[in-house]
C-alpha atoms as a PDB file:
ATOM      1  CA  MET A   1      57.102  22.473  68.764  1.00  0.00           C
ATOM      2  CA  LYS A   2      58.005  23.452  65.171  1.00  0.00           C
ATOM      3  CA  LYS A   3      54.545  24.948  64.708  1.00  0.00           C
ATOM      4  CA  ILE A   4      54.940  27.156  67.767  1.00  0.00           C
ATOM      5  CA  LEU A   5      58.379  28.270  66.586  1.00  0.00           C
ATOM      6  CA  ILE A   6      56.998  29.195  63.152  1.00  0.00           C
ATOM      7  CA  ILE A   7      53.955  30.963  64.604  1.00  0.00           C
ATOM      8  CA  PHE A   8      55.962  33.126  67.042  1.00  0.00           C
ATOM      9  CA  LEU A   9      59.390  33.373  65.441  1.00  0.00           C
ATOM     10  CA  LEU A  10      58.351  34.248  61.853  1.00  0.00           C
ATOM     11  CA  PRO A  11      56.298  37.353  62.800  1.00  0.00           C
ATOM     12  CA  LEU A  12      59.062  38.419  65.189  1.00  0.00           C
ATOM     13  CA  VAL A  13      61.682  38.211  62.413  1.00  0.00           C
ATOM     14  CA  LEU A  14      59.382  40.102  60.019  1.00  0.00           C
ATOM     15  CA  LEU A  15      58.786  42.876  62.575  1.00  0.00           C
ATOM     16  CA  ILE A  16      62.501  43.219  63.254  1.00  0.00           C
ATOM     17  CA  GLY A  17      63.211  43.366  59.498  1.00  0.00           C
ATOM     18  CA  ALA A  18      60.515  45.981  58.901  1.00  0.00           C
ATOM     19  CA  GLY A  19      61.796  48.074  61.818  1.00  0.00           C
ATOM     20  CA  ALA A  20      65.373  47.888  60.535  1.00  0.00           C
ATOM     21  CA  GLY A  21      64.221  48.887  57.039  1.00  0.00           C
ATOM     22  CA  ALA A  22      62.256  51.838  58.399  1.00  0.00           C
ATOM     23  CA  PHE A  23      65.273  52.903  60.461  1.00  0.00           C
ATOM     24  CA  PHE A  24      67.690  52.756  57.520  1.00  0.00           C
ATOM     25  CA  PHE A  25      65.360  54.687  55.217  1.00  0.00           C
ATOM     26  CA  GLY A  26      64.726  57.363  57.862  1.00  0.00           C
ATOM     27  CA  LEU A  27      61.009  56.654  58.232  1.00  0.00           C
ATOM     28  CA  ILE A  28      61.113  56.636  62.033  1.00  0.00           C
ATOM     29  CA  PRO A  29      60.910  60.219  63.354  1.00  0.00           C
ATOM     30  CA  GLY A  30      63.859  61.167  65.510  1.00  0.00           C
ATOM     31  CA  PHE A  31      66.102  58.333  64.312  1.00  0.00           C
ATOM     32  CA  GLY A  32      68.608  59.224  61.623  1.00  0.00           C
ATOM     33  CA  SER A  33      66.520  61.905  59.923  1.00  0.00           C
ATOM     34  CA  GLU A  34      68.964  64.623  61.012  1.00  0.00           C
ATOM     35  CA  ASP A  35      71.761  62.807  59.233  1.00  0.00           C
ATOM     36  CA  ASN A  36      69.693  62.608  56.042  1.00  0.00           C
ATOM     37  CA  GLU A  37      68.851  66.310  56.196  1.00  0.00           C
ATOM     38  CA  GLN A  38      72.489  67.209  56.798  1.00  0.00           C
ATOM     39  CA  LEU A  39      73.546  64.972  53.907  1.00  0.00           C
ATOM     40  CA  LYS A  40      70.965  66.601  51.621  1.00  0.00           C
ATOM     41  CA  LYS A  41      72.190  70.083  52.601  1.00  0.00           C
ATOM     42  CA  GLU A  42      75.815  69.130  51.922  1.00  0.00           C
ATOM     43  CA  LEU A  43      74.875  67.608  48.562  1.00  0.00           C
ATOM     44  CA  ALA A  44      72.901  70.728  47.579  1.00  0.00           C
ATOM     45  CA  ALA A  45      75.821  72.979  48.578  1.00  0.00           C
ATOM     46  CA  LYS A  46      78.267  70.856  46.569  1.00  0.00           C
ATOM     47  CA  GLU A  47      75.965  70.910  43.533  1.00  0.00           C
ATOM     48  CA  ALA A  48      75.573  74.692  43.791  1.00  0.00           C
ATOM     49  CA  ALA A  49      79.353  75.128  43.971  1.00  0.00           C
ATOM     50  CA  GLU A  50      79.849  72.924  40.905  1.00  0.00           C
ATOM     51  CA  ARG A  51      77.127  74.841  39.077  1.00  0.00           C
ATOM     52  CA  ASN A  52      79.072  78.096  39.523  1.00  0.00           C
ATOM     53  CA  ILE A  53      81.963  76.776  37.420  1.00  0.00           C
ATOM     54  CA  VAL A  54      81.439  77.231  33.696  1.00  0.00           C
ATOM     55  CA  PRO A  55      82.053  74.135  31.537  1.00  0.00           C
ATOM     56  CA  LYS A  56      84.959  74.232  29.093  1.00  0.00           C
ATOM     57  CA  ALA A  57      84.221  76.041  25.837  1.00  0.00           C
ATOM     58  CA  TYR A  58      84.994  72.887  23.851  1.00  0.00           C
ATOM     59  CA  LYS A  59      82.794  70.602  25.993  1.00  0.00           C
ATOM     60  CA  LYS A  60      80.812  68.274  23.762  1.00  0.00           C
ATOM     61  CA  ALA A  61      77.073  68.941  23.800  1.00  0.00           C
ATOM     62  CA  SER A  62      74.555  66.153  24.298  1.00  0.00           C
ATOM     63  CA  VAL A  63      72.553  64.775  21.380  1.00  0.00           C
ATOM     64  CA  LEU A  64      69.365  66.602  22.398  1.00  0.00           C
ATOM     65  CA  SER A  65      71.092  69.952  22.958  1.00  0.00           C
ATOM     66  CA  LEU A  66      69.791  73.107  21.309  1.00  0.00           C
ATOM     67  CA  GLU A  67      71.409  76.459  20.690  1.00  0.00           C
ATOM     68  CA  TYR A  68      69.586  79.575  21.833  1.00  0.00           C
ATOM     69  CA  TRP A  69      71.068  82.758  20.387  1.00  0.00           C
ATOM     70  CA  ILE A  70      70.905  85.877  22.507  1.00  0.00           C
ATOM     71  CA  ASP A  71      70.743  88.956  20.256  1.00  0.00           C
ATOM     72  CA  ASP A  72      73.620  91.431  20.099  1.00  0.00           C
ATOM     73  CA  PHE A  73      74.437  93.583  23.090  1.00  0.00           C
ATOM     74  CA  VAL A  74      75.871  97.050  22.539  1.00  0.00           C
ATOM     75  CA  ILE A  75      77.088  98.312  25.899  1.00  0.00           C
ATOM     76  CA  ASN A  76      78.807 101.544  26.860  1.00  0.00           C
ATOM     77  CA  LEU A  77      81.792 100.518  29.009  1.00  0.00           C
ATOM     78  CA  GLN A  78      83.164 102.486  31.937  1.00  0.00           C
ATOM     79  CA  THR A  79      86.249 104.439  30.947  1.00  0.00           C
ATOM     80  CA  GLU A  80      88.252 107.560  31.746  1.00  0.00           C
ATOM     81  CA  ARG A  81      88.708 108.329  28.035  1.00  0.00           C
ATOM     82  CA  PRO A  82      87.043 111.406  26.532  1.00  0.00           C
ATOM     83  CA  LYS A  83      85.263 109.312  23.867  1.00  0.00           C
ATOM     84  CA  PRO A  84      82.897 106.476  24.798  1.00  0.00           C
ATOM     85  CA  VAL A  85      84.046 102.856  24.466  1.00  0.00           C
ATOM     86  CA  PHE A  86      81.487 100.261  23.392  1.00  0.00           C
ATOM     87  CA  LEU A  87      81.271  96.502  23.768  1.00  0.00           C
ATOM     88  CA  LEU A  88      79.563  94.524  21.021  1.00  0.00           C
ATOM     89  CA  LEU A  89      78.722  91.047  22.332  1.00  0.00           C
ATOM     90  CA  THR A  90      76.828  88.048  20.997  1.00  0.00           C
ATOM     91  CA  PHE A  91      76.571  84.799  22.922  1.00  0.00           C
ATOM     92  CA  VAL A  92      74.747  81.498  22.647  1.00  0.00           C
ATOM     93  CA  LEU A  93      73.237  79.344  25.369  1.00  0.00           C
ATOM     94  CA  ILE A  94      73.515  75.594  24.857  1.00  0.00           C
ATOM     95  CA  LEU A  95      70.274  74.176  26.272  1.00  0.00           C
ATOM     96  CA  SER A  96      69.300  70.641  27.252  1.00  0.00           C
ATOM     97  CA  GLY A  97      66.146  70.411  25.106  1.00  0.00           C
ATOM     98  CA  GLU A  98      62.860  71.926  23.961  1.00  0.00           C
ATOM     99  CA  GLU A  99      61.530  72.325  27.504  1.00  0.00           C
ATOM    100  CA  ALA A 100      64.623  74.292  28.476  1.00  0.00           C
ATOM    101  CA  LYS A 101      64.289  76.405  25.317  1.00  0.00           C
ATOM    102  CA  SER A 102      60.719  77.414  26.148  1.00  0.00           C
ATOM    103  CA  LYS A 103      61.778  78.261  29.709  1.00  0.00           C
ATOM    104  CA  VAL A 104      64.719  80.396  28.527  1.00  0.00           C
ATOM    105  CA  GLN A 105      62.529  82.163  25.945  1.00  0.00           C
ATOM    106  CA  LEU A 106      60.206  83.274  28.739  1.00  0.00           C
ATOM    107  CA  LEU A 107      63.147  84.424  30.854  1.00  0.00           C
ATOM    108  CA  GLU A 108      65.138  86.142  28.078  1.00  0.00           C
ATOM    109  CA  PRO A 109      64.157  89.689  29.155  1.00  0.00           C
ATOM    110  CA  ARG A 110      65.471  88.969  32.658  1.00  0.00           C
ATOM    111  CA  ILE A 111      68.653  87.437  31.251  1.00  0.00           C
ATOM    112  CA  ARG A 112      69.214  90.477  29.021  1.00  0.00           C
ATOM    113  CA  SER A 113      68.541  92.886  31.889  1.00  0.00           C
ATOM    114  CA  ALA A 114      70.948  91.113  34.243  1.00  0.00           C
ATOM    115  CA  ALA A 115      73.578  90.923  31.488  1.00  0.00           C
ATOM    116  CA  ASN A 116      73.164  94.652  30.717  1.00  0.00           C
ATOM    117  CA  ILE A 117      73.684  95.561  34.357  1.00  0.00           C
ATOM    118  CA  PHE A 118      76.760  93.350  34.647  1.00  0.00           C
ATOM    119  CA  LEU A 119      78.321  94.373  31.322  1.00  0.00           C
ATOM    120  CA  SER A 120      77.858  98.093  31.935  1.00  0.00           C
ATOM    121  CA  SER A 121      79.973  97.794  35.084  1.00  0.00           C
ATOM    122  CA  LEU A 122      83.005  96.555  33.110  1.00  0.00           C
ATOM    123  CA  SER A 123      85.897  98.563  31.738  1.00  0.00           C
ATOM    124  CA  PRO A 124      87.834  97.827  28.514  1.00  0.00           C
ATOM    125  CA  GLU A 125      90.769  96.604  30.623  1.00  0.00           C
ATOM    126  CA  ASP A 126      88.534  93.950  32.219  1.00  0.00           C
ATOM    127  CA  LEU A 127      87.938  92.408  28.798  1.00  0.00           C
ATOM    128  CA  ASP A 128      91.554  92.227  27.603  1.00  0.00           C
ATOM    129  CA  GLY A 129      92.806  88.918  26.255  1.00  0.00           C
ATOM    130  CA  TYR A 130      92.079  85.343  27.203  1.00  0.00           C
ATOM    131  CA  ASP A 131      91.522  86.154  30.869  1.00  0.00           C
ATOM    132  CA  GLY A 132      88.879  88.718  29.966  1.00  0.00           C
ATOM    133  CA  ILE A 133      86.953  86.297  27.771  1.00  0.00           C
ATOM    134  CA  THR A 134      87.200  83.555  30.390  1.00  0.00           C
ATOM    135  CA  MET A 135      85.964  85.922  33.102  1.00  0.00           C
ATOM    136  CA  LEU A 136      83.103  87.040  30.857  1.00  0.00           C
ATOM    137  CA  ARG A 137      82.030  83.433  30.137  1.00  0.00           C
ATOM    138  CA  GLN A 138      82.198  82.594  33.849  1.00  0.00           C
ATOM    139  CA  GLU A 139      80.119  85.600  34.868  1.00  0.00           C
ATOM    140  CA  LEU A 140      77.540  85.040  32.112  1.00  0.00           C
ATOM    141  CA  TRP A 141      77.275  81.380  33.175  1.00  0.00           C
ATOM    142  CA  VAL A 142      76.606  82.323  36.804  1.00  0.00           C
ATOM    143  CA  LEU A 143      74.209  85.092  35.787  1.00  0.00           C
ATOM    144  CA  VAL A 144      72.166  82.869  33.442  1.00  0.00           C
ATOM    145  CA  ASN A 145      71.961  80.064  36.000  1.00  0.00           C
ATOM    146  CA  LYS A 146      70.736  82.482  38.664  1.00  0.00           C
ATOM    147  CA  VAL A 147      67.998  83.765  36.364  1.00  0.00           C
ATOM    148  CA  VAL A 148      66.957  80.357  35.023  1.00  0.00           C
ATOM    149  CA  ASP A 149      67.226  78.823  38.527  1.00  0.00           C
ATOM    150  CA  ASP A 150      67.415  75.282  37.170  1.00  0.00           C
ATOM    151  CA  THR A 151      70.375  72.945  37.336  1.00  0.00           C
ATOM    152  CA  THR A 152      69.643  71.058  34.128  1.00  0.00           C
ATOM    153  CA  SER A 153      68.427  73.585  31.529  1.00  0.00           C
ATOM    154  CA  VAL A 154      71.632  75.382  30.523  1.00  0.00           C
ATOM    155  CA  GLU A 155      74.552  73.176  29.495  1.00  0.00           C
ATOM    156  CA  ASN A 156      77.044  75.816  28.368  1.00  0.00           C
ATOM    157  CA  VAL A 157      77.611  79.429  27.339  1.00  0.00           C
ATOM    158  CA  GLN A 158      79.524  80.247  24.148  1.00  0.00           C
ATOM    159  CA  ILE A 159      80.731  83.726  23.225  1.00  0.00           C
ATOM    160  CA  LEU A 160      80.415  84.145  19.465  1.00  0.00           C
ATOM    161  CA  LYS A 161      81.392  87.760  18.963  1.00  0.00           C
ATOM    162  CA  MET A 162      83.071  90.226  21.280  1.00  0.00           C
ATOM    163  CA  THR A 163      84.366  93.548  20.030  1.00  0.00           C
ATOM    164  CA  VAL A 164      85.545  96.495  22.107  1.00  0.00           C
ATOM    165  CA  LYS A 165      85.593  99.792  20.162  1.00  0.00           C
END
């Protein structure tokens, strides 16, 4: 009697366990896979929203972080004044490592082009005070992340020099 129980009951328990495991991990088509896809979409949307918020300027960098200096920008700002008003800007990207540095080096022309387009749309009043610098950091952060299109390469954006003349 015990032999018959072991022969029939053990495979039955193993099949039930394997089926339950496949169900919980979404391996059975049509069972629970929609929930996993919805969860993945929500997680991706949440991550994208968090990625659009620039880290604090004083955020501590990781041990492997590298600085990548973007050369000076000299931009003619939009103004109603008779004489032109220029923005002199230098900023640094804090990168996660050597791989990120090589990726950003390849994409630097695109970063500079996107930054030129954005900066040339600003007026001197947009850059006044703390709010202007904060807005500029935020917009550069979003711009760089769109160009790099990677959630781990760029850790922060630091504005080193900003002069409006």
